[in-house]
N, C-alpha and C. Protein backbone atom coordinates (compact mmCIF):
# COMPACT_ATOMS: atom_id res chain seq x y z
N MET A 1 134.78 20.61 -54.72
CA MET A 1 134.25 21.56 -52.57
C MET A 1 134.24 22.53 -52.27
N SER A 2 132.83 23.03 -52.07
CA SER A 2 132.97 25.01 -51.93
C SER A 2 133.96 24.88 -50.85
N LYS A 3 134.71 26.17 -50.64
CA LYS A 3 136.17 26.25 -49.19
C LYS A 3 134.76 27.69 -49.06
N LEU A 4 133.80 27.75 -48.96
CA LEU A 4 133.11 27.91 -48.37
C LEU A 4 133.32 28.90 -47.16
N LYS A 5 133.46 28.40 -46.27
CA LYS A 5 133.86 28.50 -44.50
C LYS A 5 134.98 29.17 -44.53
N GLU A 6 135.91 28.89 -45.32
CA GLU A 6 137.72 29.65 -45.42
C GLU A 6 137.67 30.82 -46.34
N THR A 7 136.12 31.25 -46.85
CA THR A 7 136.10 32.30 -47.04
C THR A 7 136.13 33.59 -46.67
N PRO A 8 136.77 34.74 -46.13
CA PRO A 8 136.30 36.26 -45.29
C PRO A 8 135.77 37.22 -45.42
N PRO A 9 134.35 36.81 -44.96
CA PRO A 9 133.58 37.67 -45.45
C PRO A 9 133.79 39.23 -46.33
N ARG A 10 134.45 40.08 -45.40
CA ARG A 10 135.39 40.41 -47.42
C ARG A 10 135.61 41.15 -48.40
N ILE A 11 136.45 39.24 -48.56
CA ILE A 11 136.50 38.60 -49.83
C ILE A 11 134.69 38.29 -50.50
N GLY A 12 133.86 37.64 -49.68
CA GLY A 12 133.10 37.25 -49.66
C GLY A 12 132.24 38.33 -50.90
N TYR A 13 131.98 39.27 -50.00
CA TYR A 13 131.00 40.16 -50.11
C TYR A 13 131.63 41.03 -51.26
N TYR A 14 132.91 41.26 -51.43
CA TYR A 14 133.57 41.74 -53.08
C TYR A 14 133.11 40.86 -54.07
N LEU A 15 133.57 39.66 -53.74
CA LEU A 15 133.31 38.79 -54.81
C LEU A 15 131.66 38.98 -55.45
N ALA A 16 130.66 39.27 -54.02
CA ALA A 16 129.18 39.16 -54.97
C ALA A 16 128.95 40.65 -55.48
N GLY A 17 129.46 41.17 -55.22
CA GLY A 17 129.66 42.81 -55.68
C GLY A 17 130.15 42.60 -56.87
N PHE A 18 131.38 41.95 -57.23
CA PHE A 18 131.84 41.74 -58.35
C PHE A 18 131.33 41.66 -59.13
N ALA A 19 130.18 40.10 -58.96
CA ALA A 19 129.54 39.50 -59.44
C ALA A 19 128.09 39.92 -59.80
N ASP A 20 127.98 40.65 -58.87
CA ASP A 20 126.45 41.38 -59.19
C ASP A 20 126.37 42.29 -60.44
N GLY A 21 127.38 42.81 -60.39
CA GLY A 21 128.46 43.94 -60.97
C GLY A 21 128.97 43.39 -63.27
N GLU A 22 129.02 42.16 -62.72
CA GLU A 22 129.44 41.38 -63.67
C GLU A 22 129.26 40.57 -64.78
N GLY A 23 128.84 39.55 -63.45
CA GLY A 23 128.10 38.09 -63.60
C GLY A 23 127.37 37.81 -63.93
N SER A 24 127.08 36.18 -65.04
CA SER A 24 125.78 35.91 -65.11
C SER A 24 125.43 34.21 -65.25
N PHE A 25 124.05 34.98 -64.78
CA PHE A 25 123.91 33.23 -64.33
C PHE A 25 123.01 32.89 -65.34
N ASN A 26 122.99 31.22 -66.57
CA ASN A 26 122.38 31.27 -67.63
C ASN A 26 122.37 29.85 -67.77
N VAL A 27 120.89 29.60 -68.52
CA VAL A 27 120.49 28.27 -69.04
C VAL A 27 121.31 28.39 -70.29
N SER A 28 121.65 26.73 -71.12
CA SER A 28 121.85 26.92 -72.43
C SER A 28 121.12 25.54 -72.77
N PHE A 29 119.98 26.07 -73.89
CA PHE A 29 119.55 23.98 -74.59
C PHE A 29 120.24 24.35 -76.17
N ARG A 30 121.02 22.58 -76.10
CA ARG A 30 121.81 22.59 -77.45
C ARG A 30 121.25 21.37 -77.99
N PRO A 31 121.28 21.74 -79.21
CA PRO A 31 120.51 20.31 -79.53
C PRO A 31 121.60 18.78 -79.64
N ARG A 32 120.51 17.74 -79.59
CA ARG A 32 121.33 16.61 -78.96
C ARG A 32 120.44 15.51 -80.05
N THR A 33 120.75 14.70 -81.10
CA THR A 33 120.99 13.37 -82.08
C THR A 33 121.77 12.38 -81.61
N ASP A 34 121.90 12.10 -80.22
CA ASP A 34 122.68 11.30 -79.97
C ASP A 34 121.93 10.63 -78.88
N TYR A 35 120.64 11.07 -78.26
CA TYR A 35 119.64 10.23 -77.47
C TYR A 35 118.08 10.80 -76.97
N GLY A 36 117.24 9.86 -76.66
CA GLY A 36 116.22 10.00 -77.20
C GLY A 36 115.79 11.39 -76.60
N PHE A 37 116.43 12.00 -75.66
CA PHE A 37 116.00 13.23 -75.31
C PHE A 37 116.69 14.67 -76.29
N PRO A 38 115.23 14.93 -77.11
CA PRO A 38 115.85 16.19 -78.48
C PRO A 38 117.47 17.75 -77.93
N TRP A 39 117.07 18.13 -76.73
CA TRP A 39 118.22 19.23 -76.11
C TRP A 39 118.83 18.50 -75.05
N LYS A 40 120.30 19.23 -75.14
CA LYS A 40 120.75 18.83 -73.45
C LYS A 40 120.86 20.45 -73.16
N ILE A 41 120.50 20.02 -71.49
CA ILE A 41 119.58 22.03 -70.65
C ILE A 41 121.36 21.61 -69.61
N SER A 42 121.95 23.20 -69.81
CA SER A 42 122.99 23.23 -69.56
C SER A 42 122.91 24.38 -68.50
N LEU A 43 123.56 24.95 -67.67
CA LEU A 43 123.00 26.19 -66.27
C LEU A 43 124.93 26.54 -66.21
N CYS A 44 124.64 27.25 -66.46
CA CYS A 44 126.34 28.24 -65.79
C CYS A 44 126.46 29.06 -65.35
N PHE A 45 127.98 29.79 -64.70
CA PHE A 45 127.68 31.38 -63.77
C PHE A 45 129.10 31.71 -63.86
N ASN A 46 129.38 32.09 -64.73
CA ASN A 46 130.73 32.85 -66.01
C ASN A 46 130.66 34.76 -64.80
N ILE A 47 132.50 34.67 -65.84
CA ILE A 47 132.18 36.10 -65.73
C ILE A 47 133.00 36.31 -66.13
N SER A 48 133.31 37.55 -67.01
CA SER A 48 134.73 38.17 -68.04
C SER A 48 135.54 39.33 -67.58
N GLN A 49 136.96 39.19 -67.81
CA GLN A 49 137.07 40.76 -67.55
C GLN A 49 138.80 40.48 -67.90
N ARG A 50 139.34 41.47 -68.31
CA ARG A 50 140.89 41.71 -69.02
C ARG A 50 142.08 41.57 -68.41
N ASP A 51 141.18 41.78 -66.90
CA ASP A 51 142.38 41.73 -66.23
C ASP A 51 142.37 40.19 -65.21
N PRO A 52 143.15 38.79 -65.33
CA PRO A 52 142.34 37.73 -64.37
C PRO A 52 142.50 37.28 -62.88
N VAL A 53 143.16 38.37 -61.63
CA VAL A 53 143.10 38.85 -60.96
C VAL A 53 141.96 38.47 -59.92
N VAL A 54 140.78 38.92 -60.17
CA VAL A 54 139.68 39.36 -59.55
C VAL A 54 138.72 37.16 -59.83
N LEU A 55 139.30 36.85 -61.21
CA LEU A 55 138.39 35.64 -61.56
C LEU A 55 139.17 34.26 -60.86
N VAL A 56 141.24 34.50 -61.23
CA VAL A 56 141.83 34.11 -59.92
C VAL A 56 140.71 33.88 -58.62
N LEU A 57 140.33 34.66 -58.02
CA LEU A 57 139.86 34.89 -57.04
C LEU A 57 138.76 34.24 -56.87
N PHE A 58 138.17 34.52 -56.92
CA PHE A 58 136.65 33.84 -57.62
C PHE A 58 137.06 31.81 -57.49
N LYS A 59 137.68 31.17 -58.55
CA LYS A 59 138.50 29.96 -58.11
C LYS A 59 138.72 29.61 -57.57
N LYS A 60 139.14 30.54 -56.69
CA LYS A 60 139.95 30.35 -55.45
C LYS A 60 138.89 29.85 -54.21
N HIS A 61 137.36 30.75 -54.08
CA HIS A 61 137.46 30.77 -53.22
C HIS A 61 136.10 30.03 -53.25
N LEU A 62 135.44 29.55 -54.39
CA LEU A 62 134.21 28.44 -54.26
C LEU A 62 135.19 27.25 -54.80
N GLY A 63 136.22 27.35 -55.39
CA GLY A 63 137.03 26.11 -55.13
C GLY A 63 136.39 25.51 -56.42
N CYS A 64 136.05 26.00 -57.36
CA CYS A 64 135.51 24.92 -58.48
C CYS A 64 135.29 25.67 -60.36
N GLY A 65 135.44 25.32 -61.90
CA GLY A 65 134.95 26.45 -62.49
C GLY A 65 136.82 25.93 -62.73
N THR A 66 136.75 26.47 -64.77
CA THR A 66 137.52 26.43 -65.38
C THR A 66 137.56 28.38 -66.21
N MET A 67 139.23 28.17 -66.45
CA MET A 67 139.47 30.14 -66.28
C MET A 67 139.97 29.58 -67.48
N ARG A 68 139.96 30.30 -68.99
CA ARG A 68 141.07 30.47 -69.63
C ARG A 68 140.76 31.45 -70.79
N GLN A 69 141.36 31.92 -71.40
CA GLN A 69 142.06 33.77 -71.87
C GLN A 69 141.69 33.23 -73.43
N ARG A 70 140.64 34.31 -74.40
CA ARG A 70 139.55 34.25 -75.04
C ARG A 70 141.17 34.81 -76.61
N HIS A 71 140.89 34.94 -77.92
CA HIS A 71 141.61 35.19 -78.49
C HIS A 71 142.03 36.51 -79.09
N ASP A 72 141.30 37.41 -77.93
CA ASP A 72 140.94 39.11 -77.67
C ASP A 72 141.66 39.26 -76.52
N GLY A 73 142.55 38.32 -76.13
CA GLY A 73 142.80 38.52 -74.72
C GLY A 73 142.03 38.92 -73.26
N VAL A 74 140.24 38.87 -73.47
CA VAL A 74 140.53 39.06 -71.94
C VAL A 74 139.63 36.86 -71.37
N TRP A 75 139.91 37.09 -70.24
CA TRP A 75 140.10 35.97 -69.17
C TRP A 75 138.47 35.82 -69.19
N TYR A 76 138.21 34.44 -68.51
CA TYR A 76 137.07 33.99 -68.77
C TYR A 76 136.60 33.22 -67.47
N PHE A 77 136.42 33.28 -66.98
CA PHE A 77 135.77 32.27 -65.66
C PHE A 77 134.49 31.14 -65.69
N GLU A 78 134.42 29.84 -65.97
CA GLU A 78 133.10 29.61 -65.88
C GLU A 78 132.61 28.75 -65.17
N VAL A 79 131.95 28.25 -64.85
CA VAL A 79 130.67 27.30 -63.88
C VAL A 79 129.83 26.45 -64.50
N ASN A 80 130.20 25.19 -65.23
CA ASN A 80 129.03 24.53 -65.89
C ASN A 80 128.79 23.59 -65.30
N ASN A 81 129.57 22.92 -64.44
CA ASN A 81 129.05 21.61 -64.14
C ASN A 81 127.54 21.83 -63.21
N LEU A 82 126.96 21.29 -63.14
CA LEU A 82 125.96 21.26 -62.25
C LEU A 82 125.96 20.95 -60.52
N SER A 83 127.13 19.66 -60.01
CA SER A 83 127.47 19.11 -58.99
C SER A 83 128.34 20.83 -58.20
N ALA A 84 129.65 21.41 -58.94
CA ALA A 84 129.76 22.23 -57.85
C ALA A 84 128.42 24.02 -58.73
N ILE A 85 127.75 23.36 -59.03
CA ILE A 85 126.89 25.03 -58.79
C ILE A 85 126.41 24.37 -57.95
N LEU A 86 125.60 23.31 -57.49
CA LEU A 86 125.06 23.07 -56.67
C LEU A 86 125.26 23.17 -55.44
N GLU A 87 127.08 22.85 -55.29
CA GLU A 87 127.21 22.51 -54.16
C GLU A 87 128.57 23.79 -53.44
N SER A 88 128.96 24.82 -54.79
CA SER A 88 129.75 25.99 -54.53
C SER A 88 128.85 27.49 -54.73
N VAL A 89 128.70 27.09 -55.82
CA VAL A 89 127.68 28.46 -56.15
C VAL A 89 127.32 28.73 -56.36
N ILE A 90 125.36 28.05 -55.56
CA ILE A 90 124.77 28.57 -55.39
C ILE A 90 125.04 28.92 -53.65
N PRO A 91 126.05 27.85 -53.09
CA PRO A 91 125.65 28.63 -51.64
C PRO A 91 127.08 29.94 -50.95
N PHE A 92 127.79 29.90 -51.95
CA PHE A 92 128.68 30.87 -52.25
C PHE A 92 127.02 32.06 -52.25
N PHE A 93 126.85 32.42 -53.58
CA PHE A 93 126.18 33.66 -52.85
C PHE A 93 124.77 33.57 -52.02
N GLU A 94 124.38 32.38 -51.85
CA GLU A 94 122.96 32.41 -51.03
C GLU A 94 123.61 32.81 -49.14
N ARG A 95 125.37 32.89 -48.95
CA ARG A 95 126.26 33.36 -48.38
C ARG A 95 125.83 34.74 -48.34
N PHE A 96 126.31 34.91 -49.30
CA PHE A 96 126.98 36.58 -49.47
C PHE A 96 126.08 37.51 -50.35
N GLY A 97 125.48 37.07 -51.27
CA GLY A 97 124.29 38.23 -51.98
C GLY A 97 124.46 38.88 -52.52
N PHE A 98 123.53 39.15 -53.04
CA PHE A 98 123.44 40.77 -54.14
C PHE A 98 122.48 41.73 -53.65
N LEU A 99 123.00 43.23 -54.65
CA LEU A 99 122.38 43.90 -53.41
C LEU A 99 121.01 44.51 -55.13
N SER A 100 120.83 44.15 -56.26
CA SER A 100 120.51 44.67 -57.13
C SER A 100 119.12 43.51 -57.74
N ALA A 101 118.30 44.16 -57.71
CA ALA A 101 117.34 43.54 -57.61
C ALA A 101 117.02 42.34 -58.88
N LYS A 102 117.88 43.19 -59.86
CA LYS A 102 118.37 42.21 -60.90
C LYS A 102 119.20 40.73 -61.03
N LYS A 103 120.07 41.08 -60.50
CA LYS A 103 121.02 40.39 -60.28
C LYS A 103 119.73 39.41 -59.13
N LYS A 104 119.55 39.80 -57.79
CA LYS A 104 118.63 38.52 -57.09
C LYS A 104 117.73 38.35 -57.66
N ARG A 105 117.21 38.52 -58.99
CA ARG A 105 115.98 37.51 -59.48
C ARG A 105 117.06 36.61 -60.29
N ASP A 106 117.88 36.76 -61.00
CA ASP A 106 118.23 36.41 -62.00
C ASP A 106 118.30 35.16 -61.05
N PHE A 107 119.58 35.76 -59.74
CA PHE A 107 120.39 34.17 -58.94
C PHE A 107 119.32 33.51 -58.37
N ALA A 108 117.63 33.40 -58.55
CA ALA A 108 116.43 33.21 -57.59
C ALA A 108 116.21 31.82 -59.02
N LYS A 109 115.90 32.70 -59.99
CA LYS A 109 115.53 32.26 -61.77
C LYS A 109 116.64 30.35 -61.20
N PHE A 110 117.67 30.95 -61.17
CA PHE A 110 119.10 29.75 -61.63
C PHE A 110 118.84 28.99 -60.66
N LYS A 111 118.72 29.34 -59.48
CA LYS A 111 118.26 28.40 -57.88
C LYS A 111 117.43 27.78 -58.52
N GLN A 112 115.90 28.04 -58.64
CA GLN A 112 115.11 27.07 -59.64
C GLN A 112 115.11 26.53 -60.17
N MET A 113 116.03 26.78 -61.79
CA MET A 113 116.00 25.37 -62.57
C MET A 113 117.61 25.08 -62.26
N ALA A 114 118.09 25.16 -61.30
CA ALA A 114 118.92 24.21 -61.17
C ALA A 114 118.47 23.06 -59.79
N GLN A 115 116.95 23.49 -59.39
CA GLN A 115 116.49 22.36 -58.67
C GLN A 115 115.89 21.31 -59.86
N ILE A 116 115.45 21.98 -60.64
CA ILE A 116 113.98 21.15 -62.06
C ILE A 116 115.68 20.53 -62.49
N ILE A 117 116.79 20.49 -62.83
CA ILE A 117 117.54 19.96 -63.69
C ILE A 117 118.61 18.91 -61.94
N ARG A 118 118.14 18.86 -61.13
CA ARG A 118 118.98 18.27 -59.63
C ARG A 118 117.41 17.06 -60.40
N GLU A 119 116.63 16.97 -60.42
CA GLU A 119 115.42 15.89 -59.98
C GLU A 119 115.23 15.54 -60.92
N LYS A 120 115.90 16.10 -62.48
CA LYS A 120 115.71 15.62 -63.94
C LYS A 120 114.59 15.03 -64.12
N ARG A 121 114.17 16.82 -63.62
CA ARG A 121 112.33 16.79 -64.44
C ARG A 121 113.03 17.67 -65.24
N HIS A 122 113.48 18.29 -66.06
CA HIS A 122 114.07 18.77 -67.24
C HIS A 122 114.50 17.46 -68.67
N LEU A 123 113.78 16.80 -68.02
CA LEU A 123 114.08 15.31 -69.42
C LEU A 123 112.99 15.70 -68.96
N SER A 124 111.65 15.97 -68.58
CA SER A 124 110.25 16.17 -69.76
C SER A 124 109.49 16.90 -70.76
N ARG A 125 108.88 16.99 -71.02
CA ARG A 125 108.18 19.17 -71.60
C ARG A 125 107.94 19.71 -70.56
N GLU A 126 107.44 19.00 -69.15
CA GLU A 126 106.56 19.66 -68.57
C GLU A 126 107.40 20.32 -67.81
N GLY A 127 108.73 20.29 -67.66
CA GLY A 127 110.29 20.45 -67.42
C GLY A 127 110.65 21.63 -67.93
N VAL A 128 111.07 21.27 -68.91
CA VAL A 128 111.62 22.20 -70.89
C VAL A 128 110.43 23.69 -69.85
N GLU A 129 108.63 23.58 -70.50
CA GLU A 129 108.53 24.43 -69.74
C GLU A 129 108.84 26.00 -69.12
N GLU A 130 109.08 24.67 -67.37
CA GLU A 130 108.71 25.48 -66.04
C GLU A 130 110.68 26.09 -66.59
N ILE A 131 111.08 25.77 -67.79
CA ILE A 131 112.58 26.23 -68.08
C ILE A 131 112.23 27.65 -68.50
N LEU A 132 111.80 27.53 -69.35
CA LEU A 132 111.41 28.07 -70.31
C LEU A 132 111.11 29.94 -69.88
N LYS A 133 110.31 29.04 -69.02
CA LYS A 133 109.07 30.61 -68.29
C LYS A 133 109.97 31.51 -67.91
N LEU A 134 111.24 30.31 -66.59
CA LEU A 134 112.31 30.92 -65.76
C LEU A 134 113.47 31.62 -66.79
N ARG A 135 114.05 31.19 -67.26
CA ARG A 135 114.79 31.77 -68.92
C ARG A 135 114.06 33.56 -69.19
N ALA A 136 112.44 33.24 -69.66
CA ALA A 136 112.79 34.30 -69.66
C ALA A 136 113.32 35.99 -69.19
N ASP A 137 112.77 35.92 -68.46
CA ASP A 137 112.97 37.81 -68.83
C ASP A 137 114.98 37.65 -67.90
N MET A 138 115.08 36.43 -67.69
CA MET A 138 116.65 36.27 -67.08
C MET A 138 117.50 37.14 -68.00
N ASN A 139 118.33 37.71 -67.08
CA ASN A 139 119.57 38.58 -68.22
C ASN A 139 118.98 39.56 -69.22
N ASP A 140 118.01 39.54 -69.15
CA ASP A 140 116.96 40.99 -69.62
C ASP A 140 116.60 40.65 -70.98
N GLY A 141 115.97 39.00 -70.78
CA GLY A 141 115.39 38.51 -72.28
C GLY A 141 116.81 37.59 -72.32
N GLY A 142 118.22 38.53 -72.40
CA GLY A 142 119.40 37.94 -73.33
C GLY A 142 119.02 37.77 -75.15
N ASN A 143 120.70 36.99 -75.21
CA ASN A 143 120.21 36.70 -76.82
C ASN A 143 119.99 35.05 -77.14
N ARG A 144 119.91 35.07 -77.37
CA ARG A 144 119.11 33.33 -77.14
C ARG A 144 119.82 32.72 -78.78
N ARG A 145 120.45 31.75 -78.93
CA ARG A 145 121.05 31.19 -79.82
C ARG A 145 118.83 30.54 -79.87
N TYR A 146 118.42 29.67 -79.65
CA TYR A 146 117.94 28.41 -79.87
C TYR A 146 116.20 29.37 -79.28
N THR A 147 115.30 29.99 -80.28
CA THR A 147 114.16 30.64 -79.53
C THR A 147 113.49 29.54 -78.96
N ASP A 148 112.13 29.98 -77.78
CA ASP A 148 111.33 29.26 -77.43
C ASP A 148 110.63 27.88 -78.57
N GLU A 149 110.03 28.93 -79.15
CA GLU A 149 109.37 27.98 -80.49
C GLU A 149 110.25 27.18 -81.07
N ARG A 150 111.53 27.47 -81.50
CA ARG A 150 112.44 26.06 -82.12
C ARG A 150 113.09 24.60 -81.00
N ILE A 151 112.23 25.10 -80.16
CA ILE A 151 113.05 24.19 -78.82
C ILE A 151 111.07 22.87 -77.90
N ARG A 152 110.37 24.18 -78.23
CA ARG A 152 109.21 23.39 -78.60
C ARG A 152 108.49 23.20 -79.59
N GLU A 153 109.31 22.90 -80.24
CA GLU A 153 108.47 22.32 -81.90
C GLU A 153 109.86 21.19 -82.20
N GLU A 154 111.06 21.37 -81.43
CA GLU A 154 111.54 20.07 -81.42
C GLU A 154 111.64 19.01 -80.66
N LEU A 155 110.70 19.57 -79.67
CA LEU A 155 110.02 18.48 -78.51
C LEU A 155 108.97 17.83 -79.12
N ALA A 156 108.03 18.37 -79.63
CA ALA A 156 106.90 17.74 -80.10
C ALA A 156 107.67 17.78 -81.56
N ASN A 157 108.06 17.41 -82.63
CA ASN A 157 108.82 17.17 -83.63
C ASN A 157 110.06 16.67 -83.34
N PRO A 158 110.08 15.50 -82.70
CA PRO A 158 112.45 15.32 -82.57
C PRO A 158 112.48 14.57 -84.01
N GLN A 159 113.40 14.67 -84.35
CA GLN A 159 113.90 14.16 -85.96
C GLN A 159 115.52 13.46 -85.33
N ARG A 160 115.42 12.74 -85.36
CA ARG A 160 116.66 11.79 -84.08
C ARG A 160 116.59 10.49 -84.13
N PRO A 161 116.53 9.33 -85.80
CA PRO A 161 116.51 7.95 -86.56
C PRO A 161 116.99 7.38 -85.69
N TYR A 162 117.79 7.53 -85.35
CA TYR A 162 119.12 7.13 -84.95
C TYR A 162 118.43 6.50 -82.87
N ALA A 163 118.41 7.40 -82.81
CA ALA A 163 118.32 7.69 -81.00
C ALA A 163 118.02 7.29 -80.14
N GLU A 164 118.00 6.25 -79.34
CA GLU A 164 117.70 5.64 -78.41
C GLU A 164 116.54 5.65 -77.55
N SER A 165 115.41 5.55 -77.27
CA SER A 165 114.03 5.97 -76.46
C SER A 165 115.19 5.47 -74.83
N ARG A 166 113.92 6.52 -74.61
CA ARG A 166 114.60 6.59 -73.12
C ARG A 166 114.26 5.15 -72.09
N ALA A 167 112.79 4.79 -72.75
CA ALA A 167 112.64 3.42 -72.11
C ALA A 167 113.23 2.30 -72.45
N ALA A 168 114.38 2.33 -74.36
CA ALA A 168 114.75 1.64 -73.84
C ALA A 168 116.30 1.49 -73.34
N ARG A 169 116.58 2.03 -72.86
CA ARG A 169 117.70 2.65 -72.10
C ARG A 169 117.61 1.97 -70.87
N GLU A 170 116.51 2.11 -70.06
CA GLU A 170 115.59 1.83 -68.86
C GLU A 170 115.65 0.29 -67.96
């Protein structure tokens, strides 16, 4: 649950400024062979630092997320649960905001993707196309594990012989 009302403005704006420079809003596509739709689509807010102090503040004031230390000593904070993103991350950054045009743009696209997923439209070809269009220039194009072409190809030609169709589950 969000701790938004408990966050003092000076801390909230500090964290928003920190995220403006160091945070990242992402969408990931992971291939799935165990059910009728070929892709699992997930959202994530993350930030990493060598010193975990600021990341602990994010965890405390967002009231969600996980922290872990990588093998290279860098600490990593992430929120990838859709409910936590909708109830904590988005309201936090709507309240405290960003100054940079780039982060404002990425956050606006992230919110649109969250709404698509909330409405389960990401489970259709049209919804996937909406998300692909939104992610195109997020994070300056980013490093994508799966290209738009590969995602579209899997949608057009799913190779999931053991997958149960969505209609069969309903």
